[in-house]
Protein backbone atom coordinates (compact mmCIF):
# COMPACT_ATOMS: atom_id res chain seq x y z
CA MET A 1 5.98 -49.23 85.98
CA ALA A 2 7.64 -50.68 82.88
CA SER A 3 5.72 -53.58 81.34
CA TYR A 4 7.61 -56.76 80.48
CA ASP A 5 7.21 -60.54 80.45
CA THR A 6 8.15 -61.28 84.06
CA LYS A 7 8.70 -65.02 83.62
CA LYS A 8 10.86 -64.60 80.53
CA PHE A 9 12.90 -61.83 82.15
CA PHE A 10 13.48 -63.90 85.31
CA GLU A 11 14.67 -66.79 83.15
CA GLU A 12 17.09 -64.41 81.40
CA VAL A 13 18.40 -63.15 84.75
CA LEU A 14 19.17 -66.72 85.82
CA ALA A 15 20.61 -67.70 82.43
CA ASN A 16 22.91 -64.66 82.44
CA ASP A 17 24.65 -65.66 85.69
CA ASP A 18 27.35 -68.29 85.30
CA SER A 19 28.04 -68.31 89.04
CA LEU A 20 24.73 -69.89 90.08
CA LEU A 21 25.17 -72.54 92.76
CA PHE A 22 21.85 -74.25 92.04
CA GLU A 23 20.28 -75.98 89.07
CA VAL A 24 17.60 -73.89 87.40
CA THR A 25 14.39 -75.93 87.33
CA ASN A 26 10.85 -75.15 86.24
CA GLU A 27 9.78 -75.27 89.88
CA LEU A 28 12.36 -72.68 90.92
CA ILE A 29 11.32 -70.44 88.03
CA THR A 30 7.61 -70.77 88.88
CA THR A 31 8.21 -70.16 92.58
CA GLY A 32 10.50 -67.23 91.78
CA VAL A 33 7.82 -65.56 89.67
CA LEU A 34 5.30 -66.16 92.47
CA LEU A 35 7.54 -64.48 95.03
CA GLY A 36 8.73 -61.71 92.74
CA THR A 37 5.24 -60.63 91.73
CA ASN A 38 4.20 -60.59 95.40
CA PHE A 39 7.06 -58.60 96.87
CA PRO A 40 5.61 -58.45 100.43
CA LEU A 41 5.67 -62.26 100.36
CA LEU A 42 9.34 -62.24 99.34
CA LYS A 43 10.10 -59.84 102.19
CA GLY A 44 8.20 -62.02 104.64
CA ILE A 45 10.27 -65.08 103.73
CA TYR A 46 13.50 -63.10 103.87
CA LYS A 47 12.59 -61.67 107.28
CA ALA A 48 11.77 -65.15 108.62
CA TYR A 49 15.19 -66.32 107.43
CA ARG A 50 16.97 -63.34 108.97
CA ASN A 51 15.12 -63.81 112.27
CA GLU A 52 16.15 -67.48 112.32
CA GLU A 53 12.57 -68.69 112.42
CA GLU A 54 11.92 -72.35 111.72
CA GLN A 55 9.08 -71.94 109.25
CA PHE A 56 7.14 -69.48 107.13
CA GLU A 57 3.70 -70.23 105.67
CA HIS A 58 1.72 -68.50 102.95
CA LYS A 59 -1.88 -69.58 102.41
CA PRO A 60 -3.34 -67.82 99.36
CA MET A 61 -7.09 -67.67 98.80
CA VAL A 62 -6.50 -69.47 95.50
CA GLY A 63 -3.71 -71.92 94.74
CA ALA A 64 -1.36 -74.14 96.69
CA LYS A 65 -0.02 -73.27 100.12
CA LEU A 66 3.67 -72.36 100.25
CA THR A 67 5.70 -73.49 103.24
CA VAL A 68 9.32 -72.50 103.66
CA SER A 69 11.20 -74.47 106.32
CA PHE A 70 14.57 -73.39 107.71
CA ASP A 71 16.93 -75.96 109.26
CA HIS A 72 19.52 -73.78 110.94
CA ASP A 73 21.59 -76.75 112.11
CA THR A 74 22.12 -78.24 108.66
CA GLN A 75 21.95 -74.82 106.93
CA ARG A 76 19.26 -75.93 104.51
CA VAL A 77 15.98 -74.45 103.28
CA VAL A 78 13.00 -76.36 101.88
CA LEU A 79 10.37 -74.65 99.72
CA ASP A 80 7.22 -76.79 99.70
CA ARG A 81 4.29 -75.95 97.41
CA GLN A 82 2.39 -79.16 98.26
CA THR A 83 2.73 -80.53 94.73
CA SER A 84 6.53 -80.21 94.74
CA GLN A 85 9.49 -79.57 97.01
CA VAL A 86 12.82 -77.85 96.43
CA GLU A 87 15.71 -78.08 98.87
CA LEU A 88 18.54 -75.52 98.86
CA THR A 89 21.52 -74.83 101.04
CA ASN A 90 21.50 -71.48 102.84
CA GLU A 91 24.03 -70.14 100.34
CA GLN A 92 21.93 -71.31 97.38
CA PHE A 93 18.81 -69.88 98.99
CA LEU A 94 20.38 -66.43 99.46
CA GLN A 95 21.59 -66.42 95.86
CA TYR A 96 18.16 -67.50 94.61
CA MET A 97 16.38 -64.82 96.63
CA GLY A 98 18.89 -62.25 95.40
CA LYS A 99 18.12 -63.11 91.78
CA ILE A 100 14.37 -62.78 92.40
CA ASP A 101 15.10 -59.36 93.90
CA VAL A 102 17.14 -58.35 90.83
CA ALA A 103 14.36 -59.30 88.45
CA PHE A 104 11.33 -58.00 90.32
CA ALA A 105 12.13 -55.43 93.01
CA PRO A 106 10.61 -52.02 92.26
CA ILE A 107 13.16 -49.28 91.57
CA TYR A 108 11.78 -46.09 93.08
CA PRO A 109 12.69 -42.69 91.60
CA VAL A 110 15.14 -40.41 93.38
CA GLY A 111 13.32 -38.19 95.84
CA THR A 112 10.89 -40.88 96.99
CA THR A 113 10.19 -40.84 100.73
CA VAL A 114 9.87 -44.20 102.47
CA GLU A 115 9.45 -45.65 105.94
CA LEU A 116 11.99 -48.29 106.94
CA ASP A 117 11.23 -51.48 108.83
CA GLU A 118 13.00 -50.84 112.13
CA SER A 119 13.22 -54.56 112.88
CA MET A 120 15.46 -54.94 109.81
CA LEU A 121 17.95 -52.24 110.80
CA THR A 122 21.32 -52.55 112.46
CA GLU A 123 21.45 -51.61 116.14
CA GLU A 124 23.35 -48.44 115.29
CA LEU A 125 20.81 -47.35 112.69
CA ALA A 126 17.83 -48.30 114.86
CA GLU A 127 19.32 -46.17 117.66
CA LEU A 128 19.58 -43.21 115.28
CA PHE A 129 15.85 -43.35 114.55
CA LYS A 130 14.93 -43.71 118.21
CA LYS A 131 16.23 -40.19 118.64
CA GLU A 132 13.86 -38.95 115.95
CA GLU A 133 10.20 -38.37 116.79
CA LEU A 134 9.37 -38.76 113.09
CA GLY A 135 10.37 -42.44 113.03
CA ALA A 136 12.41 -44.25 110.40
CA VAL A 137 11.50 -41.96 107.50
CA VAL A 138 14.07 -41.27 104.79
CA THR A 139 14.21 -39.72 101.35
CA LEU A 140 16.02 -41.72 98.67
CA SER A 141 18.91 -39.84 97.09
CA GLY A 142 20.82 -42.47 95.10
CA ARG A 143 20.22 -45.85 93.48
CA LYS A 144 22.10 -49.08 92.76
CA ILE A 145 25.54 -48.08 94.07
CA PRO A 146 28.28 -50.76 93.83
CA LEU A 147 30.38 -51.42 96.91
CA MET A 148 34.09 -50.72 97.02
CA SER A 149 36.70 -52.54 94.95
CA GLY A 150 36.76 -56.22 95.80
CA PHE A 151 33.04 -56.31 96.58
CA GLU A 152 31.62 -54.95 93.32
CA GLN A 153 29.35 -57.98 92.96
CA TYR A 154 27.15 -56.35 95.61
CA ILE A 155 25.20 -53.12 95.32
CA VAL A 156 23.47 -50.82 97.76
CA ASP A 157 19.91 -50.52 96.48
CA TYR A 158 19.51 -46.93 97.73
CA LEU A 159 21.24 -44.12 99.52
CA GLY A 160 18.95 -42.13 101.77
CA HIS A 161 18.84 -39.15 104.11
CA LEU A 162 16.66 -38.41 107.11
CA TRP A 163 13.43 -36.73 106.16
CA PRO A 164 12.82 -33.78 106.24
CA TYR A 165 16.45 -32.77 106.80
CA GLY A 166 18.07 -34.14 103.67
CA GLU A 167 21.83 -34.03 103.28
CA ILE A 168 23.57 -32.39 106.23
CA HIS A 169 27.30 -31.73 106.41
CA GLY A 170 29.02 -34.38 108.49
CA ASN A 171 26.22 -36.94 108.18
CA ASP A 172 26.85 -39.92 105.91
CA PRO A 173 23.99 -41.22 103.76
CA ILE A 174 22.03 -44.21 105.04
CA LEU A 175 22.59 -47.43 103.08
CA ILE A 176 19.22 -49.01 102.29
CA SER A 177 18.33 -52.39 100.81
CA ASN A 178 14.97 -53.29 99.28
CA MET A 179 14.32 -55.57 102.24
CA MET A 180 14.55 -52.62 104.65
CA ILE A 181 11.71 -50.65 103.04
CA LYS A 182 8.45 -51.07 104.93
CA ARG A 183 6.28 -48.77 102.81
CA VAL A 184 6.39 -45.91 100.35
CA ILE A 185 5.06 -42.69 101.86
CA ALA A 186 5.40 -40.46 98.79
CA GLU A 187 6.79 -41.52 95.43
CA SER A 188 8.74 -38.91 93.51
CA LEU A 189 8.31 -37.80 89.89
CA THR A 190 8.31 -40.60 87.34
CA ASN A 191 7.56 -40.74 83.65
CA GLU A 192 8.43 -42.90 80.65
CA TYR A 193 12.01 -41.60 80.58
CA GLU A 194 12.62 -42.33 84.25
CA GLU A 195 11.08 -45.78 83.92
CA ALA A 196 13.23 -46.52 80.86
CA PHE A 197 16.37 -45.47 82.75
CA ALA A 198 15.41 -47.56 85.78
CA PHE A 199 14.89 -50.66 83.63
CA ASP A 200 17.31 -50.29 80.72
CA GLY A 201 20.00 -48.57 82.77
CA LEU A 202 19.91 -49.55 86.41
CA ARG A 203 18.24 -52.97 86.31
CA ALA A 204 19.89 -54.10 83.07
CA THR A 205 23.34 -53.10 84.37
CA GLN A 206 22.75 -55.06 87.56
CA VAL A 207 21.79 -58.13 85.52
CA THR A 208 24.73 -57.79 83.11
CA LYS A 209 27.28 -57.40 85.92
CA GLN A 210 25.69 -60.23 87.92
CA GLN A 211 25.26 -57.99 90.96
CA VAL A 212 22.93 -58.62 93.88
CA SER A 213 21.79 -56.45 96.76
CA THR A 214 23.84 -56.27 99.94
CA ALA A 215 20.81 -57.87 101.64
CA TYR A 216 22.01 -61.17 100.15
CA MET A 217 25.71 -60.99 100.97
CA LYS A 218 27.28 -64.29 101.90
CA PRO A 219 28.24 -64.34 105.61
CA GLU A 220 31.95 -64.64 104.83
CA ASP A 221 31.75 -61.67 102.44
CA THR A 222 29.94 -59.63 105.09
CA ILE A 223 32.71 -60.35 107.60
CA ALA A 224 35.43 -59.52 105.06
CA TYR A 225 33.67 -56.30 104.06
CA PHE A 226 33.40 -55.01 107.62
CA GLU A 227 37.00 -55.97 108.31
CA VAL A 228 38.04 -53.78 105.37
CA LEU A 229 35.83 -50.95 106.62
CA SER A 230 37.34 -51.25 110.12
CA GLY A 231 40.82 -51.11 108.65
CA LEU A 232 40.00 -48.00 106.64
CA SER A 233 38.47 -46.37 109.72
CA GLY A 234 41.58 -47.13 111.74
CA GLU A 235 43.77 -45.40 109.16
CA GLU A 236 41.90 -42.11 109.52
């Protein structure tokens, strides 16, 4: 993987976005680096939020315990590291998590085969994999694809196809976010050129255009997006 100063880069990601809804503090930067450099931890917090749990706890062997509390009535999230607390609205929290994802999420090379977390899939997609004895296994075929006009601030992290079938006529690619990936089964070819493209091309473009993954879409944008999709489907 490309080597870079993670804290400095995360600060640059935040500084580059003039649409931030929260004040950038040292605590948010420190916590962001903690979560970004422990991506399973970031996924665990995101999953707890998506599942409407009330609390998520992380007790490291060394260092302060992290507790994330979700108040679904007031739509607020509290990140407590014992020595300090940060309170965010749900909208601020999603934006903050999205920026951590931008700065730290691994960008796997095309051709990588992964297993998806079935608990994070839509009902339609989960049903598709139930029909497959192989489970939720896909091969990644595209990366960092912007959504349609009007929603370009969001990107699909990956396009994928059922393994081992690949692209089949009549089957649309599966839209995959970083949060949906459970584990990497087999990583495809990578070298210094691929890593440079992933960082200087894909990641840098995402930062410059202030784009975040569809995993962090605001609820109202999600509704609007699917209304547009339904309208397009009805025209066919």
